[in-house]
N, C-alpha and C. Protein backbone atom coordinates (compact mmCIF):
# COMPACT_ATOMS: atom_id res chain seq x y z
N UNK A 1 0.83 -1.21 0.00
CA UNK A 1 0.00 0.00 0.00
C UNK A 1 0.86 1.25 0.00
N UNK A 2 1.96 1.20 0.77
CA UNK A 2 2.85 2.36 0.84
C UNK A 2 3.49 2.61 -0.53
N UNK A 3 3.87 1.53 -1.21
CA UNK A 3 4.48 1.69 -2.52
C UNK A 3 3.49 2.27 -3.53
N UNK A 4 2.26 1.85 -3.46
CA UNK A 4 1.23 2.41 -4.35
C UNK A 4 1.07 3.90 -4.09
N UNK A 5 1.01 4.27 -2.82
CA UNK A 5 0.88 5.69 -2.46
C UNK A 5 2.08 6.49 -2.94
N UNK A 6 3.29 5.88 -2.84
CA UNK A 6 4.50 6.56 -3.27
C UNK A 6 4.48 6.78 -4.79
N UNK A 7 4.10 5.75 -5.51
CA UNK A 7 4.03 5.86 -6.97
C UNK A 7 3.03 6.93 -7.37
N UNK A 8 1.86 6.91 -6.75
CA UNK A 8 0.83 7.91 -7.05
C UNK A 8 1.33 9.31 -6.71
N UNK A 9 1.99 9.44 -5.57
CA UNK A 9 2.50 10.74 -5.15
C UNK A 9 3.55 11.28 -6.10
N UNK A 10 4.44 10.41 -6.58
CA UNK A 10 5.47 10.85 -7.54
C UNK A 10 4.81 11.36 -8.81
N UNK A 11 3.80 10.64 -9.30
CA UNK A 11 3.11 11.07 -10.51
C UNK A 11 2.42 12.41 -10.34
N UNK A 12 1.75 12.59 -9.20
CA UNK A 12 1.03 13.84 -8.94
C UNK A 12 2.01 15.00 -8.79
N UNK A 13 3.07 14.78 -8.03
CA UNK A 13 4.05 15.85 -7.83
C UNK A 13 4.71 16.23 -9.16
N UNK A 14 5.03 15.22 -9.99
CA UNK A 14 5.62 15.52 -11.29
C UNK A 14 4.69 16.34 -12.17
N UNK A 15 3.41 15.96 -12.18
CA UNK A 15 2.45 16.70 -12.99
C UNK A 15 2.29 18.13 -12.48
N UNK A 16 2.21 18.29 -11.16
CA UNK A 16 2.07 19.63 -10.60
C UNK A 16 3.30 20.48 -10.87
N UNK A 17 4.48 19.87 -10.83
CA UNK A 17 5.71 20.62 -11.10
C UNK A 17 5.71 21.18 -12.51
N UNK A 18 5.24 20.38 -13.47
CA UNK A 18 5.19 20.84 -14.86
C UNK A 18 4.10 21.90 -15.04
N UNK A 19 2.97 21.72 -14.36
CA UNK A 19 1.85 22.64 -14.52
C UNK A 19 2.07 23.97 -13.81
N UNK A 20 2.66 23.93 -12.62
CA UNK A 20 2.78 25.13 -11.79
C UNK A 20 4.20 25.67 -11.76
N UNK A 21 5.19 24.80 -11.97
CA UNK A 21 6.59 25.20 -11.87
C UNK A 21 6.96 26.40 -12.74
N UNK A 22 6.62 26.40 -14.04
CA UNK A 22 6.97 27.56 -14.88
C UNK A 22 6.35 28.87 -14.40
N UNK A 23 5.13 28.80 -13.87
CA UNK A 23 4.48 29.99 -13.34
C UNK A 23 5.24 30.50 -12.12
N UNK A 24 5.59 29.60 -11.21
CA UNK A 24 6.32 29.99 -10.00
C UNK A 24 7.69 30.57 -10.35
N UNK A 25 8.40 29.91 -11.27
CA UNK A 25 9.73 30.39 -11.65
C UNK A 25 9.67 31.76 -12.30
N UNK A 26 8.69 31.97 -13.18
CA UNK A 26 8.56 33.26 -13.84
C UNK A 26 8.24 34.36 -12.83
N UNK A 27 7.33 34.09 -11.91
CA UNK A 27 6.96 35.08 -10.90
C UNK A 27 8.13 35.42 -9.98
N UNK A 28 8.96 34.43 -9.70
CA UNK A 28 10.02 34.60 -8.71
C UNK A 28 11.30 35.19 -9.30
N UNK A 29 11.64 34.80 -10.52
CA UNK A 29 12.96 35.13 -11.05
C UNK A 29 12.95 36.13 -12.21
N UNK A 30 11.79 36.54 -12.68
CA UNK A 30 11.75 37.52 -13.76
C UNK A 30 11.39 38.90 -13.23
N UNK A 31 11.85 39.91 -13.94
CA UNK A 31 11.58 41.30 -13.57
C UNK A 31 10.22 41.68 -14.15
N UNK A 32 9.17 41.48 -13.39
CA UNK A 32 7.81 41.65 -13.87
C UNK A 32 7.14 42.85 -13.21
N UNK A 33 6.13 43.35 -13.90
CA UNK A 33 5.32 44.43 -13.35
C UNK A 33 3.89 44.28 -13.86
N UNK A 34 2.98 44.95 -13.19
CA UNK A 34 1.60 44.98 -13.64
C UNK A 34 1.48 45.93 -14.83
N UNK A 35 0.58 45.67 -15.76
CA UNK A 35 0.41 46.58 -16.90
C UNK A 35 -0.24 47.88 -16.47
N UNK A 36 0.06 48.94 -17.20
CA UNK A 36 -0.64 50.20 -16.99
C UNK A 36 -2.06 50.06 -17.55
N UNK A 37 -2.89 51.04 -17.27
CA UNK A 37 -4.25 51.00 -17.80
C UNK A 37 -4.24 50.98 -19.32
N UNK A 38 -3.35 51.77 -19.92
CA UNK A 38 -3.26 51.80 -21.38
C UNK A 38 -2.80 50.46 -21.93
N UNK A 39 -1.82 49.85 -21.28
CA UNK A 39 -1.32 48.55 -21.72
C UNK A 39 -2.39 47.47 -21.55
N UNK A 40 -3.14 47.54 -20.48
CA UNK A 40 -4.20 46.56 -20.25
C UNK A 40 -5.26 46.66 -21.35
N UNK A 41 -5.58 47.88 -21.75
CA UNK A 41 -6.55 48.06 -22.82
C UNK A 41 -5.98 47.55 -24.15
N UNK A 42 -4.68 47.77 -24.36
CA UNK A 42 -4.04 47.30 -25.59
C UNK A 42 -4.03 45.77 -25.64
N UNK A 43 -3.70 45.15 -24.51
CA UNK A 43 -3.72 43.69 -24.45
C UNK A 43 -5.12 43.16 -24.72
N UNK A 44 -6.12 43.81 -24.15
CA UNK A 44 -7.50 43.38 -24.38
C UNK A 44 -7.88 43.44 -25.85
N UNK A 45 -7.43 44.49 -26.55
CA UNK A 45 -7.74 44.61 -27.97
C UNK A 45 -7.02 43.54 -28.79
N UNK A 46 -5.78 43.21 -28.41
CA UNK A 46 -5.02 42.20 -29.14
C UNK A 46 -5.53 40.79 -28.87
N UNK A 47 -6.03 40.56 -27.65
CA UNK A 47 -6.52 39.24 -27.27
C UNK A 47 -7.95 38.99 -27.72
N UNK A 48 -8.70 40.05 -27.98
CA UNK A 48 -10.12 39.90 -28.30
C UNK A 48 -10.39 39.04 -29.54
N UNK A 49 -9.64 39.18 -30.66
CA UNK A 49 -9.94 38.35 -31.84
C UNK A 49 -9.85 36.86 -31.58
N UNK A 50 -8.94 36.43 -30.70
CA UNK A 50 -8.78 35.00 -30.43
C UNK A 50 -9.53 34.55 -29.19
N UNK A 51 -10.09 35.48 -28.44
CA UNK A 51 -10.81 35.11 -27.23
C UNK A 51 -9.93 34.65 -26.09
N UNK A 52 -8.66 35.04 -26.11
CA UNK A 52 -7.75 34.64 -25.03
C UNK A 52 -8.19 35.27 -23.72
N UNK A 53 -8.37 34.42 -22.71
CA UNK A 53 -8.85 34.88 -21.41
C UNK A 53 -7.92 34.36 -20.33
N UNK A 54 -7.36 35.26 -19.53
CA UNK A 54 -6.44 34.88 -18.47
C UNK A 54 -6.87 35.57 -17.18
N UNK A 55 -6.26 35.14 -16.08
CA UNK A 55 -6.60 35.69 -14.78
C UNK A 55 -5.72 36.87 -14.37
N UNK A 56 -4.54 36.94 -14.99
CA UNK A 56 -3.61 38.03 -14.64
C UNK A 56 -2.69 38.30 -15.81
N UNK A 57 -2.18 39.51 -15.90
CA UNK A 57 -1.24 39.90 -16.93
C UNK A 57 0.04 40.38 -16.25
N UNK A 58 1.18 39.92 -16.74
CA UNK A 58 2.47 40.34 -16.21
C UNK A 58 3.36 40.81 -17.36
N UNK A 59 3.93 42.00 -17.23
CA UNK A 59 4.78 42.59 -18.25
C UNK A 59 6.24 42.46 -17.82
N UNK A 60 7.08 42.02 -18.75
CA UNK A 60 8.52 41.88 -18.46
C UNK A 60 9.31 42.86 -19.32
N UNK A 61 10.34 43.44 -18.73
CA UNK A 61 11.21 44.34 -19.47
C UNK A 61 11.87 43.58 -20.61
N UNK A 62 11.84 44.14 -21.80
CA UNK A 62 12.32 43.44 -22.99
C UNK A 62 13.83 43.43 -23.12
N UNK A 63 14.52 44.36 -22.49
CA UNK A 63 15.97 44.41 -22.60
C UNK A 63 16.40 45.07 -23.90
N UNK A 64 17.47 44.53 -24.51
CA UNK A 64 18.02 45.11 -25.72
C UNK A 64 17.02 45.04 -26.87
N UNK A 65 17.16 45.98 -27.81
CA UNK A 65 16.29 46.00 -28.99
C UNK A 65 17.02 45.37 -30.16
N UNK A 66 16.36 44.51 -30.97
CA UNK A 66 14.98 44.08 -30.78
C UNK A 66 14.86 43.05 -29.67
N UNK A 67 13.79 43.13 -28.91
CA UNK A 67 13.57 42.20 -27.82
C UNK A 67 13.05 40.86 -28.30
N UNK A 68 12.84 39.94 -27.37
CA UNK A 68 12.43 38.58 -27.74
C UNK A 68 10.98 38.45 -28.18
N UNK A 69 10.18 39.47 -27.94
CA UNK A 69 8.76 39.44 -28.32
C UNK A 69 8.10 38.14 -27.84
N UNK A 70 8.11 37.95 -26.54
CA UNK A 70 7.59 36.72 -25.95
C UNK A 70 6.16 36.91 -25.47
N UNK A 71 5.30 35.97 -25.84
CA UNK A 71 3.93 35.90 -25.34
C UNK A 71 3.72 34.48 -24.87
N UNK A 72 3.39 34.30 -23.60
CA UNK A 72 3.23 32.95 -23.06
C UNK A 72 2.19 32.96 -21.95
N UNK A 73 1.34 31.96 -21.96
CA UNK A 73 0.37 31.75 -20.89
C UNK A 73 0.86 30.60 -20.04
N UNK A 74 0.98 30.83 -18.75
CA UNK A 74 1.45 29.81 -17.83
C UNK A 74 0.47 29.67 -16.67
N UNK A 75 0.50 28.47 -16.07
CA UNK A 75 -0.35 28.23 -14.92
C UNK A 75 -1.55 27.37 -15.25
N UNK A 76 -2.12 26.72 -14.24
CA UNK A 76 -3.28 25.86 -14.44
C UNK A 76 -4.56 26.67 -14.63
N UNK A 77 -5.64 26.01 -15.03
CA UNK A 77 -6.92 26.73 -15.15
C UNK A 77 -7.27 27.49 -13.88
N UNK A 78 -7.85 28.68 -14.06
CA UNK A 78 -8.23 29.59 -12.99
C UNK A 78 -7.03 30.25 -12.31
N UNK A 79 -5.83 29.92 -12.77
CA UNK A 79 -4.62 30.60 -12.28
C UNK A 79 -3.73 30.97 -13.47
N UNK A 80 -4.33 31.14 -14.62
CA UNK A 80 -3.54 31.40 -15.82
C UNK A 80 -3.03 32.84 -15.82
N UNK A 81 -1.75 32.98 -16.16
CA UNK A 81 -1.12 34.29 -16.22
C UNK A 81 -0.54 34.49 -17.61
N UNK A 82 -0.82 35.63 -18.20
CA UNK A 82 -0.25 35.99 -19.49
C UNK A 82 1.03 36.78 -19.25
N UNK A 83 2.16 36.18 -19.66
CA UNK A 83 3.44 36.86 -19.58
C UNK A 83 3.80 37.39 -20.96
N UNK A 84 4.16 38.65 -21.03
CA UNK A 84 4.61 39.19 -22.30
C UNK A 84 5.65 40.27 -22.07
N UNK A 85 6.57 40.37 -23.02
CA UNK A 85 7.61 41.37 -22.92
C UNK A 85 7.10 42.71 -23.45
N UNK A 86 7.70 43.77 -22.97
CA UNK A 86 7.24 45.11 -23.31
C UNK A 86 7.25 45.36 -24.81
N UNK A 87 8.21 44.75 -25.53
CA UNK A 87 8.33 45.02 -26.96
C UNK A 87 7.14 44.50 -27.75
N UNK A 88 6.40 43.53 -27.19
CA UNK A 88 5.20 43.04 -27.89
C UNK A 88 4.21 44.18 -28.09
N UNK A 89 4.09 45.02 -27.07
CA UNK A 89 3.15 46.13 -27.13
C UNK A 89 3.75 47.37 -27.78
N UNK A 90 5.07 47.51 -27.68
CA UNK A 90 5.70 48.75 -28.15
C UNK A 90 6.23 48.66 -29.58
N UNK A 91 6.69 47.48 -30.01
CA UNK A 91 7.43 47.37 -31.26
C UNK A 91 6.74 46.56 -32.36
N UNK A 92 5.94 45.58 -31.97
CA UNK A 92 5.40 44.66 -32.97
C UNK A 92 4.25 45.27 -33.74
N UNK A 93 4.14 44.88 -35.02
CA UNK A 93 2.95 45.23 -35.79
C UNK A 93 1.74 44.56 -35.14
N UNK A 94 0.60 45.19 -35.29
CA UNK A 94 -0.61 44.66 -34.66
C UNK A 94 -0.93 43.26 -35.14
N UNK A 95 -0.77 42.99 -36.45
CA UNK A 95 -1.07 41.66 -36.98
C UNK A 95 -0.18 40.59 -36.36
N UNK A 96 1.11 40.92 -36.17
CA UNK A 96 2.04 39.97 -35.56
C UNK A 96 1.62 39.67 -34.13
N UNK A 97 1.32 40.71 -33.37
CA UNK A 97 0.90 40.51 -31.98
C UNK A 97 -0.39 39.70 -31.90
N UNK A 98 -1.34 39.98 -32.77
CA UNK A 98 -2.59 39.22 -32.76
C UNK A 98 -2.32 37.75 -33.07
N UNK A 99 -1.40 37.48 -34.00
CA UNK A 99 -1.05 36.10 -34.31
C UNK A 99 -0.44 35.38 -33.12
N UNK A 100 0.42 36.06 -32.37
CA UNK A 100 1.04 35.44 -31.20
C UNK A 100 0.01 35.19 -30.10
N UNK A 101 -0.88 36.13 -29.90
CA UNK A 101 -1.93 35.94 -28.90
C UNK A 101 -2.84 34.79 -29.30
N UNK A 102 -3.15 34.67 -30.59
CA UNK A 102 -4.00 33.58 -31.05
C UNK A 102 -3.33 32.23 -30.86
N UNK A 103 -2.01 32.17 -31.08
CA UNK A 103 -1.28 30.92 -30.88
C UNK A 103 -1.36 30.46 -29.43
N UNK A 104 -1.23 31.41 -28.50
CA UNK A 104 -1.35 31.05 -27.09
C UNK A 104 -2.79 30.67 -26.73
N UNK A 105 -3.75 31.36 -27.33
CA UNK A 105 -5.15 31.00 -27.09
C UNK A 105 -5.42 29.58 -27.57
N UNK A 106 -4.82 29.20 -28.69
CA UNK A 106 -4.98 27.83 -29.19
C UNK A 106 -4.44 26.80 -28.23
N UNK A 107 -3.28 27.10 -27.64
CA UNK A 107 -2.70 26.17 -26.67
C UNK A 107 -3.56 26.06 -25.41
N UNK A 108 -4.17 27.18 -25.02
CA UNK A 108 -5.05 27.15 -23.85
C UNK A 108 -6.29 26.31 -24.13
N UNK A 109 -6.91 26.53 -25.27
CA UNK A 109 -8.17 25.83 -25.56
C UNK A 109 -7.97 24.34 -25.83
N UNK A 110 -6.76 23.95 -26.26
CA UNK A 110 -6.48 22.52 -26.47
C UNK A 110 -5.83 21.88 -25.24
N UNK A 111 -5.65 22.67 -24.18
CA UNK A 111 -5.06 22.17 -22.92
C UNK A 111 -3.69 21.53 -23.16
N UNK A 112 -2.87 22.20 -23.96
CA UNK A 112 -1.54 21.68 -24.27
C UNK A 112 -0.68 21.54 -23.01
N UNK A 113 -0.65 22.57 -22.18
CA UNK A 113 0.18 22.52 -20.97
C UNK A 113 -0.30 21.43 -20.02
N UNK A 114 -1.61 21.27 -19.91
CA UNK A 114 -2.15 20.22 -19.03
C UNK A 114 -1.80 18.84 -19.56
N UNK A 115 -1.83 18.68 -20.89
CA UNK A 115 -1.43 17.40 -21.47
C UNK A 115 0.02 17.07 -21.11
N UNK A 116 0.91 18.04 -21.26
CA UNK A 116 2.32 17.80 -20.94
C UNK A 116 2.48 17.42 -19.48
N UNK A 117 1.74 18.07 -18.60
CA UNK A 117 1.84 17.78 -17.17
C UNK A 117 1.40 16.35 -16.88
N UNK A 118 0.28 15.94 -17.46
CA UNK A 118 -0.22 14.58 -17.23
C UNK A 118 0.76 13.55 -17.81
N UNK A 119 1.30 13.84 -18.99
CA UNK A 119 2.24 12.91 -19.62
C UNK A 119 3.49 12.73 -18.76
N UNK A 120 4.04 13.83 -18.26
CA UNK A 120 5.22 13.73 -17.40
C UNK A 120 4.89 12.98 -16.11
N UNK A 121 3.73 13.28 -15.52
CA UNK A 121 3.33 12.58 -14.31
C UNK A 121 3.18 11.09 -14.53
N UNK A 122 2.62 10.70 -15.68
CA UNK A 122 2.46 9.28 -15.98
C UNK A 122 3.80 8.57 -16.13
N UNK A 123 4.74 9.20 -16.84
CA UNK A 123 6.06 8.59 -17.02
C UNK A 123 6.79 8.47 -15.70
N UNK A 124 6.76 9.54 -14.89
CA UNK A 124 7.44 9.49 -13.59
C UNK A 124 6.79 8.45 -12.67
N UNK A 125 5.47 8.35 -12.72
CA UNK A 125 4.79 7.35 -11.91
C UNK A 125 5.20 5.94 -12.30
N UNK A 126 5.30 5.69 -13.60
CA UNK A 126 5.74 4.37 -14.06
C UNK A 126 7.18 4.09 -13.65
N UNK A 127 8.04 5.10 -13.75
CA UNK A 127 9.43 4.90 -13.31
C UNK A 127 9.49 4.59 -11.82
N UNK A 128 8.66 5.29 -11.04
CA UNK A 128 8.62 5.01 -9.61
C UNK A 128 8.14 3.60 -9.34
N UNK A 129 7.17 3.13 -10.14
CA UNK A 129 6.68 1.76 -9.97
C UNK A 129 7.77 0.75 -10.27
N UNK A 130 8.63 1.05 -11.24
CA UNK A 130 9.75 0.15 -11.56
C UNK A 130 10.77 0.16 -10.43
N UNK A 131 11.12 1.36 -9.97
CA UNK A 131 12.14 1.50 -8.92
C UNK A 131 11.71 0.83 -7.63
N UNK A 132 10.44 0.95 -7.30
CA UNK A 132 9.93 0.35 -6.05
C UNK A 132 9.56 -1.12 -6.23
N UNK A 133 9.83 -1.66 -7.41
CA UNK A 133 9.52 -3.06 -7.75
C UNK A 133 8.04 -3.38 -7.64
N UNK A 134 7.22 -2.34 -7.77
CA UNK A 134 5.77 -2.58 -7.76
C UNK A 134 5.36 -3.36 -9.01
N UNK A 135 6.09 -3.13 -10.09
CA UNK A 135 5.90 -3.90 -11.32
C UNK A 135 7.25 -4.48 -11.72
N UNK A 136 7.26 -5.60 -12.44
CA UNK A 136 8.53 -6.18 -12.88
C UNK A 136 9.31 -5.21 -13.77
N UNK A 137 10.63 -5.31 -13.72
CA UNK A 137 11.47 -4.35 -14.45
C UNK A 137 11.19 -4.38 -15.95
N UNK A 138 11.14 -5.58 -16.53
CA UNK A 138 11.00 -5.68 -17.99
C UNK A 138 9.70 -5.06 -18.47
N UNK A 139 8.59 -5.45 -17.86
CA UNK A 139 7.30 -4.92 -18.30
C UNK A 139 7.16 -3.45 -17.93
N UNK A 140 7.68 -3.06 -16.78
CA UNK A 140 7.60 -1.66 -16.38
C UNK A 140 8.41 -0.76 -17.29
N UNK A 141 9.61 -1.19 -17.64
CA UNK A 141 10.45 -0.39 -18.53
C UNK A 141 9.83 -0.29 -19.92
N UNK A 142 9.26 -1.39 -20.38
CA UNK A 142 8.58 -1.36 -21.69
C UNK A 142 7.39 -0.41 -21.65
N UNK A 143 6.68 -0.39 -20.53
CA UNK A 143 5.54 0.53 -20.40
C UNK A 143 6.00 1.98 -20.41
N UNK A 144 7.14 2.26 -19.75
CA UNK A 144 7.67 3.63 -19.75
C UNK A 144 7.99 4.08 -21.17
N UNK A 145 8.64 3.21 -21.93
CA UNK A 145 8.99 3.55 -23.31
C UNK A 145 7.72 3.76 -24.14
N UNK A 146 6.75 2.87 -23.98
CA UNK A 146 5.51 2.97 -24.76
C UNK A 146 4.77 4.26 -24.43
N UNK A 147 4.63 4.56 -23.14
CA UNK A 147 3.92 5.78 -22.74
C UNK A 147 4.67 7.01 -23.22
N UNK A 148 6.01 6.97 -23.13
CA UNK A 148 6.81 8.10 -23.60
C UNK A 148 6.63 8.35 -25.08
N UNK A 149 6.69 7.30 -25.88
CA UNK A 149 6.55 7.47 -27.33
C UNK A 149 5.15 7.97 -27.70
N UNK A 150 4.14 7.40 -27.04
CA UNK A 150 2.77 7.86 -27.30
C UNK A 150 2.62 9.33 -26.90
N UNK A 151 3.25 9.72 -25.80
CA UNK A 151 3.16 11.10 -25.34
C UNK A 151 3.82 12.05 -26.34
N UNK A 152 5.00 11.65 -26.88
CA UNK A 152 5.65 12.48 -27.89
C UNK A 152 4.74 12.68 -29.09
N UNK A 153 4.17 11.57 -29.56
CA UNK A 153 3.31 11.64 -30.74
C UNK A 153 2.06 12.48 -30.46
N UNK A 154 1.41 12.20 -29.34
CA UNK A 154 0.17 12.90 -29.02
C UNK A 154 0.42 14.38 -28.75
N UNK A 155 1.54 14.70 -28.08
CA UNK A 155 1.86 16.09 -27.80
C UNK A 155 2.02 16.91 -29.05
N UNK A 156 2.64 16.33 -30.07
CA UNK A 156 2.78 17.04 -31.34
C UNK A 156 1.42 17.26 -31.99
N UNK A 157 0.55 16.25 -31.90
CA UNK A 157 -0.79 16.41 -32.47
C UNK A 157 -1.55 17.52 -31.75
N UNK A 158 -1.39 17.61 -30.44
CA UNK A 158 -2.08 18.65 -29.69
C UNK A 158 -1.56 20.02 -30.09
N UNK A 159 -0.24 20.14 -30.27
CA UNK A 159 0.32 21.44 -30.68
C UNK A 159 -0.18 21.84 -32.07
N UNK A 160 -0.20 20.89 -32.99
CA UNK A 160 -0.72 21.20 -34.32
C UNK A 160 -2.20 21.59 -34.25
N UNK A 161 -2.95 20.93 -33.38
CA UNK A 161 -4.36 21.28 -33.20
C UNK A 161 -4.49 22.69 -32.63
N UNK A 162 -3.58 23.06 -31.73
CA UNK A 162 -3.60 24.42 -31.17
C UNK A 162 -3.34 25.45 -32.26
N UNK A 163 -2.37 25.17 -33.13
CA UNK A 163 -2.09 26.09 -34.24
C UNK A 163 -3.29 26.18 -35.18
N UNK A 164 -3.96 25.04 -35.39
CA UNK A 164 -5.13 25.04 -36.27
C UNK A 164 -6.26 25.88 -35.67
N UNK A 165 -6.42 25.80 -34.33
CA UNK A 165 -7.43 26.62 -33.67
C UNK A 165 -7.13 28.11 -33.88
N UNK A 166 -5.85 28.47 -33.73
CA UNK A 166 -5.45 29.86 -33.94
C UNK A 166 -5.71 30.28 -35.37
N UNK A 167 -5.40 29.40 -36.32
CA UNK A 167 -5.62 29.72 -37.74
C UNK A 167 -7.09 29.89 -38.04
N UNK A 168 -7.93 29.08 -37.42
CA UNK A 168 -9.37 29.19 -37.64
C UNK A 168 -9.90 30.56 -37.22
N UNK A 169 -9.30 31.11 -36.18
CA UNK A 169 -9.82 32.34 -35.59
C UNK A 169 -9.28 33.59 -36.29
N UNK A 170 -7.95 33.63 -36.51
CA UNK A 170 -7.35 34.87 -37.05
C UNK A 170 -6.71 34.67 -38.42
N UNK A 171 -6.71 33.45 -38.94
CA UNK A 171 -6.12 33.20 -40.25
C UNK A 171 -4.76 32.54 -40.15
N UNK A 172 -4.55 31.50 -40.94
CA UNK A 172 -3.29 30.76 -40.92
C UNK A 172 -2.11 31.64 -41.32
N UNK A 173 -2.33 32.50 -42.32
CA UNK A 173 -1.25 33.35 -42.81
C UNK A 173 -0.77 34.30 -41.72
N UNK A 174 -1.69 34.82 -40.94
CA UNK A 174 -1.33 35.75 -39.86
C UNK A 174 -0.51 35.05 -38.79
N UNK A 175 -0.89 33.83 -38.43
CA UNK A 175 -0.16 33.11 -37.40
C UNK A 175 1.23 32.73 -37.90
N UNK A 176 1.32 32.24 -39.14
CA UNK A 176 2.62 31.87 -39.71
C UNK A 176 3.53 33.08 -39.81
N UNK A 177 2.99 34.20 -40.25
CA UNK A 177 3.79 35.42 -40.35
C UNK A 177 4.30 35.85 -38.97
N UNK A 178 3.47 35.70 -37.96
CA UNK A 178 3.88 36.06 -36.60
C UNK A 178 5.04 35.20 -36.14
N UNK A 179 4.97 33.89 -36.37
CA UNK A 179 6.07 33.00 -35.98
C UNK A 179 7.36 33.39 -36.70
N UNK A 180 7.26 33.67 -38.00
CA UNK A 180 8.45 34.01 -38.78
C UNK A 180 9.03 35.35 -38.33
N UNK A 181 8.19 36.30 -38.03
CA UNK A 181 8.66 37.62 -37.59
C UNK A 181 9.39 37.52 -36.26
N UNK A 182 8.85 36.76 -35.33
CA UNK A 182 9.50 36.63 -34.02
C UNK A 182 10.82 35.87 -34.16
N UNK A 183 10.85 34.84 -34.99
CA UNK A 183 12.10 34.11 -35.22
C UNK A 183 13.16 35.04 -35.80
N UNK A 184 12.75 35.91 -36.70
CA UNK A 184 13.68 36.88 -37.30
C UNK A 184 14.22 37.83 -36.24
N UNK A 185 13.36 38.31 -35.35
CA UNK A 185 13.79 39.21 -34.29
C UNK A 185 14.79 38.53 -33.36
N UNK A 186 14.61 37.25 -33.15
CA UNK A 186 15.50 36.52 -32.24
C UNK A 186 16.75 36.00 -32.95
N UNK A 187 16.82 36.21 -34.25
CA UNK A 187 18.00 35.79 -35.00
C UNK A 187 18.11 34.30 -35.18
N UNK A 188 16.98 33.60 -35.27
CA UNK A 188 17.01 32.15 -35.44
C UNK A 188 16.29 31.78 -36.74
N UNK A 189 16.68 30.65 -37.28
CA UNK A 189 16.05 30.12 -38.48
C UNK A 189 15.10 29.00 -38.05
N UNK A 190 13.80 29.11 -38.37
CA UNK A 190 12.86 28.05 -37.98
C UNK A 190 13.30 26.70 -38.55
N UNK A 191 13.56 25.74 -37.67
CA UNK A 191 14.05 24.44 -38.10
C UNK A 191 12.90 23.50 -38.43
N UNK A 192 13.17 22.60 -39.36
CA UNK A 192 12.21 21.53 -39.67
C UNK A 192 12.68 20.25 -39.02
N UNK A 193 11.78 19.30 -38.90
CA UNK A 193 12.07 18.10 -38.13
C UNK A 193 12.87 17.05 -38.90
N UNK A 194 13.58 16.23 -38.15
CA UNK A 194 14.21 15.02 -38.67
C UNK A 194 13.95 13.91 -37.66
N UNK A 195 14.66 12.82 -37.78
CA UNK A 195 14.38 11.68 -36.90
C UNK A 195 14.57 12.03 -35.42
N UNK A 196 15.50 12.97 -35.13
CA UNK A 196 15.76 13.30 -33.72
C UNK A 196 14.58 14.02 -33.08
N UNK A 197 13.79 14.74 -33.88
CA UNK A 197 12.67 15.48 -33.31
C UNK A 197 11.45 14.59 -33.06
N UNK A 198 11.54 13.32 -33.46
CA UNK A 198 10.46 12.40 -33.12
C UNK A 198 10.34 12.22 -31.61
N UNK A 199 11.42 12.54 -30.89
CA UNK A 199 11.44 12.34 -29.45
C UNK A 199 11.26 13.66 -28.70
N UNK A 200 10.52 14.57 -29.31
CA UNK A 200 10.20 15.84 -28.69
C UNK A 200 8.69 16.03 -28.72
N UNK A 201 8.16 16.54 -27.61
CA UNK A 201 6.72 16.80 -27.56
C UNK A 201 6.37 18.00 -28.44
N UNK A 202 7.24 19.01 -28.44
CA UNK A 202 7.00 20.22 -29.21
C UNK A 202 7.54 20.05 -30.63
N UNK A 203 6.71 20.12 -31.65
CA UNK A 203 7.22 20.00 -33.02
C UNK A 203 8.06 21.21 -33.39
N UNK A 204 9.03 21.05 -34.30
CA UNK A 204 9.88 22.18 -34.69
C UNK A 204 9.06 23.32 -35.27
N UNK A 205 9.53 24.54 -35.05
CA UNK A 205 8.80 25.72 -35.50
C UNK A 205 8.63 25.73 -37.01
N UNK A 206 9.66 25.28 -37.73
CA UNK A 206 9.56 25.25 -39.18
C UNK A 206 8.44 24.35 -39.67
N UNK A 207 8.25 23.23 -39.01
CA UNK A 207 7.16 22.32 -39.38
C UNK A 207 5.80 22.95 -39.08
N UNK A 208 5.71 23.66 -37.98
CA UNK A 208 4.44 24.32 -37.63
C UNK A 208 4.12 25.40 -38.66
N UNK A 209 5.13 26.17 -39.07
CA UNK A 209 4.91 27.20 -40.08
C UNK A 209 4.50 26.57 -41.41
N UNK A 210 5.18 25.47 -41.77
CA UNK A 210 4.86 24.80 -43.04
C UNK A 210 3.41 24.32 -43.06
N UNK A 211 2.94 23.78 -41.95
CA UNK A 211 1.55 23.32 -41.88
C UNK A 211 0.57 24.48 -42.02
N UNK A 212 0.93 25.60 -41.40
CA UNK A 212 0.07 26.77 -41.52
C UNK A 212 0.06 27.29 -42.95
N UNK A 213 1.21 27.26 -43.62
CA UNK A 213 1.27 27.70 -45.02
C UNK A 213 0.43 26.78 -45.91
N UNK A 214 0.48 25.48 -45.63
CA UNK A 214 -0.36 24.54 -46.40
C UNK A 214 -1.84 24.87 -46.19
N UNK A 215 -2.16 25.22 -44.96
CA UNK A 215 -3.55 25.56 -44.65
C UNK A 215 -3.96 26.83 -45.39
N UNK A 216 -3.02 27.78 -45.51
CA UNK A 216 -3.30 29.00 -46.25
C UNK A 216 -3.62 28.69 -47.70
N UNK A 217 -2.85 27.75 -48.28
CA UNK A 217 -3.11 27.35 -49.67
C UNK A 217 -4.45 26.70 -49.83
N UNK A 218 -4.86 25.91 -48.83
CA UNK A 218 -6.17 25.25 -48.92
C UNK A 218 -7.30 26.27 -48.81
N UNK A 219 -7.07 27.37 -48.08
CA UNK A 219 -8.12 28.37 -47.88
C UNK A 219 -8.33 29.25 -49.10
N UNK A 220 -7.26 29.37 -49.95
CA UNK A 220 -7.37 30.28 -51.10
C UNK A 220 -8.00 29.61 -52.30
C-alpha cells in the first residue's frame, strides 16, 4: 500500500511541477510588473480576436532592442497568467501581436500545458513503480517507453491542433507570419524536423509554419 501511495505521489508531484513550476519560476525570477491601464486596454484589444482569457497579466522588461517578443500563458486553469515582454506592445505590428496571442489562445483551448503535465506525471509514476519493484522491471520499462513514445506523438498532435485553432480564428497566414517575424527578431532560423525530433513533444517551429502555409493554400 505504501508503494502504491508513493508511486501515485510521484506522478502527482511531477504533474504539478510541470503545470505550476513555470508559473512559480517566472513570478520569482523575472523582472515583472503589472500593466498600466493603457497597456491593459491594448492587451484586451489584441486578445479579443482569439478570445484569449487569463486571470492576470504580467509585463517583463524586454531588454536590448529588438527584444524577444515573448507571449506565453502559464499556470493551471483559474490561475492562468499571461506573460509578455514590453516590446510586444511597443514594437510589434498589430497583426504579428494578434497572431502570437492567437497561438497562445490555441494552446489554452487545447489544454496543451495540461497534457504535458499529465504525460510527465504518468512517465514518472511508471518509473517510480519500476524503482519500487511494484511492477517487474522488464514490463515496467517497456511501459515507460511505450507511454513516452505515445506522449511524444500525441503532444505534437495537440500542438498542431492548437495552431489550427489559432488559424481558424485569425487566419493561418497571420499566425505563420507572426512565428516568422518573431524568429527573425531573435535571429534564429525556424528548423524543420528530422528523426531526432520524433522524441520531442513540441514540433519544430519550421514544421508548424509549413503546416500553416499549407492551410493558407487550402483556404485560397
